Amino acid sequence: MLKILVADDEALIRRLVSDFLRKSGYEPIEADNGLAAIEKFRADKDISLVICDIMMPEADGWEVCKKIRESSTVPILMLTARSQEFDELMSFESGADDFVTKPFSPTVLMKRVEALLKRSAIRTANNSDEIISIDNLTIDLPAHSVTVEDKPVDLTIKEYNILVKLSKNVGRIYSRDRLLDDIWGIDFSGDPRTVDSHVARLRTKLGKWGETHLKTVYGVGYKIEVNNS
């Protein structure tokens, strides 16, 4: 039974989400503030997904997300009572993988949970004993880690999946729509421009390597480019 951390200072929301998780065959672990969420996540290495409210006492959801990302790429689904672009952007900047606005349909929430877990499982299953090396960048697929010049790079699941997709096919251009289908899923209904923001953040995190190798082909898509000269 997969464990899912549910962090929200509203007891009613925690109970509602936890009840639906149990009915779907998951084991919920509840936290009523941000600090408790961080502590419970660090104490249990078997947590497979985190559902985290943004506005919480002790530490907000963005801080929780950042702390989790220091050591884990577990999928994170953020909740907020405010439908504002700033909240969504801050969630993604903090390392979240998806975003749901309150009030939400529990059924839709469960579909989002299942989709995140499925993509995470597919990623794990597809990670054979393989190392991808491109110039000074190394992707250790079994360990799900990325280093540039032997320095670790912390990526969200989607940033990592974009990098792996492009790195396995150096020189091939992937359109925004193709990346959406392959990484977000064909049922994705959000803003297609989210691909652009994820690629931009990925390039920034990769530093000089990203500027040199992660190319935008304007009007077409994205690719990894290697100078063989």
Protein backbone atom coordinates (compact mmCIF):
# COMPACT_ATOMS: atom_id res chain seq x y z
CA MET A 1 0.00 0.00 0.00
CA LEU A 2 1.54 3.29 -1.13
CA LYS A 3 1.91 6.00 1.50
CA ILE A 4 0.81 9.55 0.71
CA LEU A 5 1.56 12.52 2.94
CA VAL A 6 -1.39 14.93 3.29
CA ALA A 7 -0.35 18.31 4.71
CA ASP A 8 -3.11 20.84 5.41
CA ASP A 9 -3.97 22.89 8.49
CA GLU A 10 -7.70 22.45 7.79
CA ALA A 11 -8.83 19.26 9.53
CA LEU A 12 -11.87 18.93 7.27
CA ILE A 13 -9.71 18.99 4.12
CA ARG A 14 -7.25 16.49 5.59
CA ARG A 15 -10.06 14.08 6.50
CA LEU A 16 -11.74 14.47 3.10
CA VAL A 17 -8.52 13.81 1.16
CA SER A 18 -7.45 11.00 3.50
CA ASP A 19 -10.83 9.26 3.22
CA PHE A 20 -10.67 9.28 -0.57
CA LEU A 21 -7.08 8.06 -0.50
CA ARG A 22 -8.05 5.12 1.72
CA LYS A 23 -10.96 4.24 -0.55
CA SER A 24 -8.52 4.23 -3.46
CA GLY A 25 -6.15 1.87 -1.67
CA TYR A 26 -3.54 4.31 -0.38
CA GLU A 27 -2.26 4.90 3.15
CA PRO A 28 -2.54 8.60 4.11
CA ILE A 29 -0.17 10.20 6.61
CA GLU A 30 -1.51 13.50 7.94
CA ALA A 31 0.29 16.67 9.00
CA ASP A 32 -1.48 19.81 10.25
CA ASN A 33 1.32 22.31 9.64
CA GLY A 34 4.36 22.77 7.43
CA LEU A 35 6.98 21.87 10.01
CA ALA A 36 5.17 18.64 10.89
CA ALA A 37 4.96 17.81 7.18
CA ILE A 38 8.73 18.17 6.77
CA GLU A 39 9.43 16.08 9.87
CA LYS A 40 7.02 13.30 8.87
CA PHE A 41 8.43 13.16 5.35
CA ARG A 42 11.99 12.89 6.64
CA ALA A 43 10.96 10.20 9.13
CA ASP A 44 9.31 7.93 6.55
CA LYS A 45 11.35 6.96 3.48
CA ASP A 46 8.40 5.06 1.97
CA ILE A 47 6.21 8.09 1.18
CA SER A 48 5.37 7.91 -2.53
CA LEU A 49 3.60 11.26 -3.02
CA VAL A 50 2.92 14.50 -1.14
CA ILE A 51 -0.32 16.52 -1.20
CA CYS A 52 0.51 19.89 0.34
CA ASP A 53 -1.52 23.02 1.08
CA ILE A 54 0.23 26.33 0.45
CA MET A 55 -1.05 28.44 3.35
CA MET A 56 -0.03 26.60 6.53
CA PRO A 57 1.41 27.66 9.92
CA GLU A 58 5.03 26.99 10.96
CA ALA A 59 6.14 26.67 7.31
CA ASP A 60 4.13 27.33 4.14
CA GLY A 61 3.71 24.78 1.38
CA TRP A 62 6.40 26.36 -0.77
CA GLU A 63 8.95 25.95 2.01
CA VAL A 64 7.82 22.36 2.57
CA CYS A 65 8.27 21.70 -1.14
CA LYS A 66 11.76 23.19 -1.18
CA LYS A 67 12.84 21.15 1.85
CA ILE A 68 11.56 17.93 0.29
CA ARG A 69 13.35 18.72 -2.96
CA GLU A 70 16.65 18.92 -1.10
CA SER A 71 16.64 15.14 -0.82
CA SER A 72 13.84 13.68 -2.91
CA THR A 73 12.11 13.74 -6.29
CA VAL A 74 8.86 12.31 -4.92
CA PRO A 75 5.82 13.76 -6.77
CA ILE A 76 4.30 16.81 -5.03
CA LEU A 77 0.75 18.05 -5.62
CA MET A 78 0.06 21.54 -4.26
CA LEU A 79 -3.30 22.81 -2.98
CA THR A 80 -4.35 26.44 -2.63
CA ALA A 81 -7.52 28.36 -1.84
CA ARG A 82 -6.46 31.18 -4.18
CA SER A 83 -6.71 30.93 -7.93
CA GLN A 84 -3.79 33.19 -8.76
CA GLU A 85 -1.01 32.79 -11.29
CA PHE A 86 1.55 33.82 -8.66
CA ASP A 87 0.64 30.81 -6.48
CA GLU A 88 0.97 28.45 -9.42
CA LEU A 89 4.31 29.87 -10.53
CA MET A 90 5.69 29.82 -6.98
CA SER A 91 4.58 26.21 -6.59
CA PHE A 92 6.44 25.14 -9.74
CA GLU A 93 9.47 27.23 -8.77
CA SER A 94 9.53 25.43 -5.42
CA GLY A 95 9.60 22.06 -7.16
CA ALA A 96 5.94 21.02 -7.28
CA ASP A 97 4.71 18.75 -10.06
CA ASP A 98 1.02 19.64 -10.15
CA PHE A 99 -1.40 22.21 -8.75
CA VAL A 100 -5.06 22.06 -7.67
CA THR A 101 -7.23 25.00 -6.57
CA LYS A 102 -9.76 24.72 -3.73
CA PRO A 103 -12.61 23.93 -3.79
CA PHE A 104 -11.79 20.82 -5.78
CA SER A 105 -13.53 17.64 -6.80
CA PRO A 106 -12.11 14.74 -4.75
CA THR A 107 -12.58 12.50 -7.80
CA VAL A 108 -10.50 14.84 -9.96
CA LEU A 109 -7.90 15.09 -7.19
CA MET A 110 -7.60 11.30 -7.12
CA LYS A 111 -7.14 11.25 -10.89
CA ARG A 112 -4.29 13.75 -10.52
CA VAL A 113 -2.76 11.57 -7.79
CA GLU A 114 -3.03 8.44 -9.95
CA ALA A 115 -1.51 10.24 -12.94
CA LEU A 116 1.48 11.47 -10.92
CA LEU A 117 2.08 8.03 -9.41
CA LYS A 118 1.74 6.36 -12.79
CA ARG A 119 4.27 8.67 -14.43
CA SER A 120 6.62 8.17 -11.50
CA ALA A 121 6.27 4.38 -11.77
CA ILE A 122 6.80 4.41 -15.54
CA ARG A 123 9.90 6.54 -15.07
CA THR A 124 11.26 4.10 -12.48
CA ALA A 125 10.44 1.03 -14.57
CA ASN A 126 12.10 2.49 -17.63
CA ASN A 127 15.27 3.40 -15.77
CA SER A 128 17.58 0.52 -16.65
CA ASP A 129 21.19 0.33 -15.49
CA GLU A 130 22.20 3.17 -17.71
CA ILE A 131 24.28 6.30 -17.49
CA ILE A 132 23.84 9.15 -19.96
CA SER A 133 26.90 11.38 -20.37
CA ILE A 134 26.92 14.47 -22.55
CA ASP A 135 30.04 16.58 -22.20
CA ASN A 136 30.18 17.46 -18.47
CA LEU A 137 26.60 16.39 -17.72
CA THR A 138 25.84 12.95 -16.30
CA ILE A 139 22.40 11.42 -15.79
CA ASP A 140 22.39 8.33 -13.56
CA LEU A 141 19.06 6.75 -14.50
CA PRO A 142 18.91 4.08 -11.78
CA ALA A 143 19.76 6.67 -9.11
CA HIS A 144 17.56 9.33 -10.75
CA SER A 145 20.34 11.88 -10.31
CA VAL A 146 21.87 14.60 -12.46
CA THR A 147 25.30 16.15 -12.11
CA VAL A 148 27.11 18.86 -14.06
CA GLU A 149 30.88 18.87 -13.62
CA ASP A 150 30.34 16.41 -10.73
CA LYS A 151 28.05 18.86 -8.91
CA PRO A 152 24.49 17.60 -8.19
CA VAL A 153 21.57 19.41 -9.84
CA ASP A 154 18.18 19.28 -8.10
CA LEU A 155 15.34 18.89 -10.61
CA THR A 156 11.61 18.34 -10.34
CA ILE A 157 10.20 15.18 -11.88
CA LYS A 158 9.05 16.99 -15.01
CA GLU A 159 12.34 18.86 -15.42
CA TYR A 160 14.18 15.56 -15.05
CA ASN A 161 11.91 13.79 -17.53
CA ILE A 162 12.34 16.59 -20.09
CA LEU A 163 16.12 16.38 -19.72
CA VAL A 164 16.14 12.58 -20.07
CA LYS A 165 13.82 12.68 -23.08
CA LEU A 166 15.99 15.21 -24.91
CA SER A 167 19.29 13.66 -23.80
CA LYS A 168 18.33 10.20 -25.07
CA ASN A 169 17.68 11.76 -28.45
CA VAL A 170 20.47 14.29 -28.96
CA GLY A 171 19.81 16.54 -31.94
CA ARG A 172 16.15 15.59 -32.25
CA ILE A 173 13.68 18.44 -31.89
CA TYR A 174 10.67 17.85 -29.64
CA SER A 175 7.68 20.13 -30.04
CA ARG A 176 5.84 21.57 -27.06
CA ASP A 177 2.84 19.36 -27.88
CA ARG A 178 4.98 16.22 -28.05
CA LEU A 179 6.57 16.98 -24.68
CA LEU A 180 3.13 17.63 -23.19
CA ASP A 181 1.86 14.27 -24.46
CA ASP A 182 4.94 12.31 -23.40
CA ILE A 183 5.54 13.89 -19.99
CA TRP A 184 2.30 15.50 -18.80
CA GLY A 185 0.03 12.96 -20.50
CA ILE A 186 -2.48 13.30 -23.31
CA ASP A 187 -5.20 14.23 -20.79
CA PHE A 188 -3.35 17.39 -19.71
CA SER A 189 -5.75 20.34 -19.73
CA GLY A 190 -3.61 23.18 -18.40
CA ASP A 191 -1.67 25.92 -20.15
CA PRO A 192 0.59 24.42 -22.88
CA ARG A 193 3.09 27.18 -22.12
CA THR A 194 3.97 25.36 -18.91
CA VAL A 195 6.46 23.43 -21.08
CA ASP A 196 8.25 26.69 -21.85
CA SER A 197 8.54 27.65 -18.19
CA HIS A 198 9.79 24.17 -17.21
CA VAL A 199 12.43 24.23 -19.96
CA ALA A 200 13.49 27.74 -18.92
CA ARG A 201 13.91 26.66 -15.29
CA LEU A 202 15.76 23.52 -16.39
CA ARG A 203 18.17 25.56 -18.49
CA THR A 204 18.81 27.91 -15.57
CA LYS A 205 19.47 25.03 -13.16
CA LEU A 206 21.94 23.47 -15.60
CA GLY A 207 23.87 26.75 -15.73
CA LYS A 208 26.52 27.12 -18.42
CA TRP A 209 25.80 23.61 -19.71
CA GLY A 210 22.13 24.48 -20.17
CA GLU A 211 22.94 27.68 -22.05
CA THR A 212 25.26 25.80 -24.38
CA HIS A 213 23.34 22.57 -24.96
CA LEU A 214 19.62 23.04 -24.25
CA LYS A 215 18.43 24.85 -27.34
CA THR A 216 15.15 26.46 -28.29
CA VAL A 217 14.28 26.05 -31.96
CA TYR A 218 11.87 28.95 -32.28
CA GLY A 219 8.49 28.03 -33.67
CA VAL A 220 9.39 24.33 -33.54
CA GLY A 221 10.47 23.07 -30.13
CA TYR A 222 13.48 22.07 -28.03
CA LYS A 223 16.55 19.89 -28.41
CA ILE A 224 19.88 18.95 -26.86
CA GLU A 225 22.71 20.10 -29.10
CA VAL A 226 26.29 18.86 -28.96
CA ASN A 227 29.17 20.58 -30.70
CA ASN A 228 31.21 17.80 -32.26
CA SER A 229 33.87 20.08 -33.70
